[in-house]
Amino acid sequence: MALQGDEEGTSIVYIEPKDTAIMFDVLKGMGFEDAKLSLSWVTKAPVECTDEDFDKNMEIIDALEELDDVDSVEHNMSN
């Protein structure tokens, strides 16, 4: 599945992780020499929570992301 990215001229393509190298090669073969790939975790089971709980959890997530040793924090919250 492909979607338009957040920034102009970008796209988001959902593939199985095992197909990452193949997709990268296809993009390069299509002339997208500046193509960049990254893996992201996408939940299949979002957990609904109240706005209050969501805000509290986001405060914790923001604090975790500020730590030098943390690259990213993923969650499955939905509100």
Protein backbone atom coordinates (compact mmCIF):
# COMPACT_ATOMS: atom_id res chain seq x y z
CA MET A 1 0.00 0.00 0.00
CA ALA A 2 1.34 3.46 -0.86
CA LEU A 3 0.35 6.80 0.64
CA GLN A 4 1.45 10.38 0.13
CA GLY A 5 4.10 11.38 2.70
CA ASP A 6 3.95 14.25 5.17
CA GLU A 7 6.46 16.30 3.21
CA GLU A 8 6.02 17.38 -0.40
CA GLY A 9 7.49 14.89 -2.83
CA THR A 10 7.50 12.01 -0.35
CA SER A 11 5.58 8.75 -0.23
CA ILE A 12 4.95 6.08 2.37
CA VAL A 13 4.97 2.48 1.15
CA TYR A 14 3.92 -0.38 3.41
CA ILE A 15 5.72 -3.65 2.74
CA GLU A 16 6.73 -6.72 4.68
CA PRO A 17 10.11 -6.19 6.41
CA LYS A 18 11.59 -9.12 4.49
CA ASP A 19 10.92 -7.22 1.22
CA THR A 20 12.83 -4.07 2.24
CA ALA A 21 15.96 -4.74 0.18
CA ILE A 22 13.91 -5.68 -2.89
CA MET A 23 11.84 -2.47 -2.62
CA PHE A 24 14.99 -0.39 -2.25
CA ASP A 25 16.48 -1.96 -5.37
CA VAL A 26 13.24 -1.35 -7.31
CA LEU A 27 13.19 2.32 -6.29
CA LYS A 28 16.83 2.75 -7.32
CA GLY A 29 16.07 1.02 -10.63
CA MET A 30 13.22 3.48 -11.23
CA GLY A 31 15.69 6.38 -10.93
CA PHE A 32 15.03 7.38 -7.33
CA GLU A 33 18.73 7.60 -6.44
CA ASP A 34 18.02 9.68 -3.31
CA ALA A 35 15.51 7.14 -1.99
CA LYS A 36 15.64 6.55 1.75
CA LEU A 37 14.06 3.67 3.60
CA SER A 38 13.20 3.25 7.25
CA LEU A 39 11.31 0.61 9.16
CA SER A 40 8.44 1.62 11.40
CA TRP A 41 6.31 -0.43 13.70
CA VAL A 42 2.60 -0.27 12.82
CA THR A 43 0.20 -1.70 15.38
CA LYS A 44 -2.45 -4.15 14.35
CA ALA A 45 -4.24 -3.80 17.69
CA PRO A 46 -4.66 -0.15 18.75
CA VAL A 47 -5.83 0.41 22.31
CA GLU A 48 -8.37 3.16 22.81
CA CYS A 49 -7.84 5.40 25.80
CA THR A 50 -9.33 8.58 27.18
CA ASP A 51 -7.87 11.95 26.23
CA GLU A 52 -6.58 12.29 29.79
CA ASP A 53 -4.80 8.92 29.69
CA PHE A 54 -3.45 9.68 26.21
CA ASP A 55 -2.00 13.01 27.39
CA LYS A 56 -0.40 11.40 30.46
CA ASN A 57 1.16 8.66 28.34
CA MET A 58 2.42 11.16 25.79
CA GLU A 59 4.17 13.08 28.59
CA ILE A 60 6.02 9.89 29.51
CA ILE A 61 6.82 9.13 25.87
CA ASP A 62 8.14 12.68 25.34
CA ALA A 63 10.37 12.33 28.43
CA LEU A 64 11.69 8.97 27.19
CA GLU A 65 12.45 10.37 23.73
CA GLU A 66 14.55 13.14 25.30
CA LEU A 67 16.95 10.56 26.78
CA ASP A 68 20.24 10.29 24.88
CA ASP A 69 20.10 6.50 24.70
CA VAL A 70 16.58 6.38 23.22
CA ASP A 71 16.16 6.53 19.44
CA SER A 72 12.37 6.29 19.32
CA VAL A 73 9.39 5.20 21.38
CA GLU A 74 6.47 3.35 19.78
CA HIS A 75 2.99 2.87 21.20
CA ASN A 76 -0.39 1.47 20.24
CA MET A 77 -2.60 4.12 21.85
CA SER A 78 -5.57 5.50 20.02
CA ASN A 79 -7.98 8.17 21.18
